[in-house]
Protein backbone atom coordinates (compact mmCIF):
# COMPACT_ATOMS: atom_id res chain seq x y z
CA MET A 1 -1.72 6.80 -14.29
CA THR A 2 -4.82 9.22 -13.84
CA LEU A 3 -5.57 12.03 -11.97
CA GLU A 4 -8.69 10.63 -10.86
CA LEU A 5 -6.68 7.75 -9.05
CA LEU A 6 -4.74 10.55 -7.15
CA ARG A 7 -7.59 12.50 -6.04
CA GLN A 8 -9.45 9.37 -4.16
CA PRO A 9 -10.05 10.04 -0.44
CA GLY A 10 -7.31 8.34 1.35
CA VAL A 11 -4.77 8.81 -1.35
CA THR A 12 -1.73 11.18 -0.75
CA PRO A 13 0.66 11.60 -3.38
CA LEU A 14 4.41 11.81 -2.30
CA LEU A 15 7.73 13.00 -3.37
CA LEU A 16 9.92 9.92 -4.21
CA ASP A 17 13.22 11.56 -3.06
CA GLY A 18 16.68 10.22 -2.30
CA ARG A 19 15.58 9.34 1.66
CA THR A 20 12.55 7.64 0.31
CA VAL A 21 14.72 5.39 -2.41
CA THR A 22 17.63 4.57 0.55
CA LEU A 23 15.02 3.76 3.30
CA ALA A 24 13.00 1.33 0.46
CA ARG A 25 16.96 -0.02 -0.55
CA THR A 26 17.40 -0.93 3.25
CA LEU A 27 14.19 -2.08 3.96
CA LEU A 28 14.42 -4.36 0.39
CA ARG A 29 17.76 -6.04 2.13
CA ARG A 30 16.71 -6.42 5.71
CA HIS A 31 13.18 -7.82 5.12
CA LYS A 32 13.14 -10.75 3.04
CA GLU A 33 9.21 -10.32 2.83
CA CYS A 34 9.95 -7.49 0.95
CA LYS A 35 10.79 -8.61 -2.20
CA LYS A 36 9.66 -6.01 -5.04
CA PRO A 37 10.93 -2.55 -5.77
CA ASN A 38 7.75 -1.29 -5.50
CA ASP A 39 7.13 -2.88 -1.92
CA GLY A 40 9.56 -0.95 -0.44
CA VAL A 41 9.27 2.39 -2.03
CA HIS A 42 5.71 2.07 -1.08
CA LEU A 43 6.51 0.90 2.64
CA ALA A 44 9.36 3.55 2.70
CA SER A 45 7.07 6.08 1.86
CA ALA A 46 4.61 5.02 4.61
CA ILE A 47 6.92 5.36 7.17
CA LEU A 48 8.44 8.54 6.17
CA ALA A 49 4.65 9.52 6.07
CA ASN A 50 3.69 8.12 9.62
CA VAL A 51 0.86 6.15 8.17
CA ASP A 52 -1.52 4.79 11.01
CA GLY A 53 -1.87 1.69 8.94
CA PHE A 54 -0.23 0.19 5.33
CA HIS A 55 -3.01 -1.63 3.55
CA THR A 56 -1.41 -4.27 0.70
CA PHE A 57 -3.12 -6.86 -0.78
CA ASP A 58 -0.18 -9.23 -0.34
CA ARG A 59 -1.61 -12.26 1.69
CA SER A 60 1.50 -14.13 2.26
CA ASP A 61 4.71 -11.39 2.40
CA LEU A 62 4.42 -7.94 3.79
CA LEU A 63 1.87 -9.01 6.50
CA LYS A 64 4.46 -11.10 8.07
CA ILE A 65 6.79 -7.81 9.25
CA SER A 66 3.49 -5.84 10.53
CA THR A 67 4.59 -3.88 13.58
CA THR A 68 8.29 -4.91 13.03
CA VAL A 69 9.10 -1.86 11.71
CA ASN A 70 8.67 1.46 12.72
CA ARG A 71 7.42 4.69 11.57
CA SER A 72 9.63 7.77 11.41
CA ASP A 73 8.11 8.67 14.74
CA GLY A 74 9.34 5.58 16.42
CA PHE A 75 5.68 3.90 16.58
CA PRO A 76 5.11 0.42 14.65
CA LEU A 77 3.59 0.42 11.25
CA LYS A 78 0.60 -1.91 11.33
CA ILE A 79 0.84 -3.52 7.72
CA CYS A 80 -2.75 -5.36 7.05
CA LEU A 81 -5.42 -6.08 4.35
CA PRO A 82 -7.88 -3.22 3.48
CA THR A 83 -11.47 -3.60 4.61
CA MET A 84 -13.79 -2.83 1.96
CA SER A 85 -17.31 -2.59 1.50
CA PRO A 86 -18.95 -4.66 -1.14
CA PRO A 87 -19.15 -2.37 -4.58
CA SER A 88 -22.80 -1.41 -5.22
CA PRO A 89 -24.82 -2.87 -7.83
CA SER A 90 -24.59 0.14 -10.15
CA ARG A 91 -20.54 -0.02 -10.28
CA GLY A 92 -21.18 -3.55 -11.78
CA ALA A 93 -18.59 -4.89 -9.56
CA LYS A 94 -18.01 -8.58 -10.43
CA SER A 95 -16.48 -9.93 -7.12
CA THR A 96 -16.58 -8.70 -3.49
CA ASP A 97 -13.53 -10.41 -3.10
CA PRO A 98 -10.84 -7.92 -1.88
CA SER A 99 -8.39 -9.68 -3.08
CA GLN A 100 -9.81 -9.47 -6.50
CA ALA A 101 -10.34 -5.58 -6.09
CA SER A 102 -9.37 -3.31 -8.06
CA ILE A 103 -7.99 0.34 -6.91
CA PHE A 104 -8.09 1.44 -10.26
CA GLY A 105 -12.30 1.64 -10.45
CA ASP A 106 -13.38 0.95 -13.66
CA ALA A 107 -10.32 1.83 -15.29
CA ASP A 108 -9.25 -2.21 -15.74
CA GLU A 109 -12.79 -2.74 -17.41
CA GLY A 110 -12.37 -2.92 -21.07
């Protein structure tokens, strides 16, 4: 992972501590839609940080539990697909389909 990824607008690096790991494990056990450990960690981090929305490209699993899990402040966490504007032609993007987009920018190009 490059530091550029962590310096993007809207990205806040968080500490992976025992509280986060414990909540991630609980989420994995309670919600069959939360299938992968990474999903549990990301979801737990969002809950503990009280984010307004959790963006996922997963179209079949995590979206199903949107607003059924509460943030640590007691309000429901909205899980949704990110809204993305099409990349500019100068970036040379191959697709404007959000399911094909990469959060890594040009890092995935050869």
